[in-house]
Amino acid sequence: MDGSALFRADATFCPQTGKSGSGTSFASYNYPSRFIRHYNNTLCIASNGGSNAFDSSTNWAADVTWAVSSPWASCPPSPERVIFAA
C-alpha cells in the first residue's frame, strides 16, 4: 500500500447490477471488464473469457454475482469494509 492514485484506483471496485440478473457484481475501477469472482474456492479478479483458468466463461455470471447482506455482528466503522455472502 503506497497510497498512490494508481494504488487507490486498482483497489477500487464499483458495484453494479449482478451479471446473473440478480444481486451485485463488483467491477474493477481500473479494469472495468474484470470483476471479483469466486472460482475454485478462491477470489480472483476475472474477465469473461481469457487466457487464465479463472477467466473461464463457464458459470462466469453466477461466479461474479454476490448477495450483499448486513453483517452478523457490529464492526468498527471502516470505509474499506464490504460484506459478501456467496
C-alpha atoms as a PDB file:
ATOM      1  CA  MET A   1       0.000   0.000   0.000  1.00  0.00           C
ATOM      2  CA  ASP A   2       1.770   3.078  -1.201  1.00  0.00           C
ATOM      3  CA  GLY A   3      -1.177   5.491  -1.083  1.00  0.00           C
ATOM      4  CA  SER A   4      -0.694   6.488  -4.714  1.00  0.00           C
ATOM      5  CA  ALA A   5      -3.565   7.338  -7.044  1.00  0.00           C
ATOM      6  CA  LEU A   6      -2.762   4.172  -9.021  1.00  0.00           C
ATOM      7  CA  PHE A   7      -2.983   2.010  -5.895  1.00  0.00           C
ATOM      8  CA  ARG A   8      -6.303   3.588  -4.876  1.00  0.00           C
ATOM      9  CA  ALA A   9      -7.739   3.084  -8.377  1.00  0.00           C
ATOM     10  CA  ASP A  10      -6.509  -0.546  -8.518  1.00  0.00           C
ATOM     11  CA  ALA A  11      -8.086  -1.213  -5.102  1.00  0.00           C
ATOM     12  CA  THR A  12     -11.483   0.269  -6.053  1.00  0.00           C
ATOM     13  CA  PHE A  13     -14.416  -1.887  -7.170  1.00  0.00           C
ATOM     14  CA  CYS A  14     -17.716  -0.443  -8.344  1.00  0.00           C
ATOM     15  CA  PRO A  15     -20.993  -2.199  -7.525  1.00  0.00           C
ATOM     16  CA  GLN A  16     -23.473  -2.781 -10.324  1.00  0.00           C
ATOM     17  CA  THR A  17     -26.449  -4.999 -11.041  1.00  0.00           C
ATOM     18  CA  GLY A  18     -25.379  -8.634 -10.817  1.00  0.00           C
ATOM     19  CA  LYS A  19     -24.299 -10.221 -14.083  1.00  0.00           C
ATOM     20  CA  SER A  20     -26.597 -13.175 -13.353  1.00  0.00           C
ATOM     21  CA  GLY A  21     -29.612 -10.840 -13.312  1.00  0.00           C
ATOM     22  CA  SER A  22     -29.841 -10.519  -9.537  1.00  0.00           C
ATOM     23  CA  GLY A  23     -27.578  -9.488  -6.677  1.00  0.00           C
ATOM     24  CA  THR A  24     -24.497  -7.318  -7.126  1.00  0.00           C
ATOM     25  CA  SER A  25     -21.331  -7.612  -9.216  1.00  0.00           C
ATOM     26  CA  PHE A  26     -18.181  -5.609  -8.437  1.00  0.00           C
ATOM     27  CA  ALA A  27     -16.226  -4.244 -11.411  1.00  0.00           C
ATOM     28  CA  SER A  28     -12.624  -3.101 -11.149  1.00  0.00           C
ATOM     29  CA  TYR A  29     -12.322   0.673 -11.461  1.00  0.00           C
ATOM     30  CA  ASN A  30      -9.080   0.452 -13.465  1.00  0.00           C
ATOM     31  CA  TYR A  31     -10.063  -2.661 -15.421  1.00  0.00           C
ATOM     32  CA  PRO A  32     -13.843  -2.355 -15.935  1.00  0.00           C
ATOM     33  CA  SER A  33     -14.118  -5.680 -17.786  1.00  0.00           C
ATOM     34  CA  ARG A  34     -12.764  -7.518 -14.705  1.00  0.00           C
ATOM     35  CA  PHE A  35     -14.932  -8.485 -11.732  1.00  0.00           C
ATOM     36  CA  ILE A  36     -14.432 -10.031  -8.295  1.00  0.00           C
ATOM     37  CA  ARG A  37     -15.033 -13.723  -8.936  1.00  0.00           C
ATOM     38  CA  HIS A  38     -15.384 -16.789  -6.733  1.00  0.00           C
ATOM     39  CA  TYR A  39     -13.598 -19.508  -8.723  1.00  0.00           C
ATOM     40  CA  ASN A  40     -12.387 -22.879  -7.456  1.00  0.00           C
ATOM     41  CA  ASN A  41     -12.692 -21.745  -3.789  1.00  0.00           C
ATOM     42  CA  THR A  42     -10.557 -18.659  -4.479  1.00  0.00           C
ATOM     43  CA  LEU A  43     -11.329 -14.977  -5.055  1.00  0.00           C
ATOM     44  CA  CYS A  44      -9.975 -13.679  -8.356  1.00  0.00           C
ATOM     45  CA  ILE A  45     -10.244 -10.548 -10.459  1.00  0.00           C
ATOM     46  CA  ALA A  46     -11.535 -12.138 -13.650  1.00  0.00           C
ATOM     47  CA  SER A  47     -12.832 -11.232 -17.094  1.00  0.00           C
ATOM     48  CA  ASN A  48     -15.409 -13.234 -19.053  1.00  0.00           C
ATOM     49  CA  GLY A  49     -13.057 -15.320 -21.168  1.00  0.00           C
ATOM     50  CA  GLY A  50      -9.291 -15.009 -21.332  1.00  0.00           C
ATOM     51  CA  SER A  51      -6.036 -16.908 -21.032  1.00  0.00           C
ATOM     52  CA  ASN A  52      -6.287 -17.710 -17.305  1.00  0.00           C
ATOM     53  CA  ALA A  53      -8.333 -20.638 -15.976  1.00  0.00           C
ATOM     54  CA  PHE A  54     -10.214 -18.236 -13.683  1.00  0.00           C
ATOM     55  CA  ASP A  55     -11.318 -16.239 -16.766  1.00  0.00           C
ATOM     56  CA  SER A  56     -13.371 -19.234 -17.971  1.00  0.00           C
ATOM     57  CA  SER A  57     -16.797 -18.317 -19.350  1.00  0.00           C
ATOM     58  CA  THR A  58     -18.319 -21.357 -17.617  1.00  0.00           C
ATOM     59  CA  ASN A  59     -20.512 -20.119 -14.729  1.00  0.00           C
ATOM     60  CA  TRP A  60     -18.921 -16.668 -15.044  1.00  0.00           C
ATOM     61  CA  ALA A  61     -22.127 -14.664 -14.459  1.00  0.00           C
ATOM     62  CA  ALA A  62     -23.037 -16.661 -11.344  1.00  0.00           C
ATOM     63  CA  ASP A  63     -19.464 -16.574 -10.016  1.00  0.00           C
ATOM     64  CA  VAL A  64     -19.221 -12.761 -10.254  1.00  0.00           C
ATOM     65  CA  THR A  65     -22.644 -12.141  -8.668  1.00  0.00           C
ATOM     66  CA  TRP A  66     -22.868 -11.638  -4.907  1.00  0.00           C
ATOM     67  CA  ALA A  67     -25.703 -11.361  -2.396  1.00  0.00           C
ATOM     68  CA  VAL A  68     -24.679  -8.358  -0.293  1.00  0.00           C
ATOM     69  CA  SER A  69     -26.137  -8.501   3.212  1.00  0.00           C
ATOM     70  CA  SER A  70     -25.885  -6.843   6.595  1.00  0.00           C
ATOM     71  CA  PRO A  71     -23.060  -8.022   8.877  1.00  0.00           C
ATOM     72  CA  TRP A  72     -23.870 -10.648  11.534  1.00  0.00           C
ATOM     73  CA  ALA A  73     -22.192  -8.549  14.216  1.00  0.00           C
ATOM     74  CA  SER A  74     -21.361  -4.912  14.701  1.00  0.00           C
ATOM     75  CA  CYS A  75     -17.930  -3.982  13.374  1.00  0.00           C
ATOM     76  CA  PRO A  76     -15.926  -0.815  13.921  1.00  0.00           C
ATOM     77  CA  PRO A  77     -16.647   1.749  11.187  1.00  0.00           C
ATOM     78  CA  SER A  78     -14.359   1.276   8.201  1.00  0.00           C
ATOM     79  CA  PRO A  79     -14.683   2.719   4.684  1.00  0.00           C
ATOM     80  CA  GLU A  80     -12.868  -0.370   3.343  1.00  0.00           C
ATOM     81  CA  ARG A  81     -15.340  -2.916   4.796  1.00  0.00           C
ATOM     82  CA  VAL A  82     -17.676  -4.738   2.416  1.00  0.00           C
ATOM     83  CA  ILE A  83     -19.628  -7.817   3.496  1.00  0.00           C
ATOM     84  CA  PHE A  84     -20.043 -10.649   0.954  1.00  0.00           C
ATOM     85  CA  ALA A  85     -22.358 -13.634   1.151  1.00  0.00           C
ATOM     86  CA  ALA A  86     -21.721 -16.222  -1.557  1.00  0.00           C
END
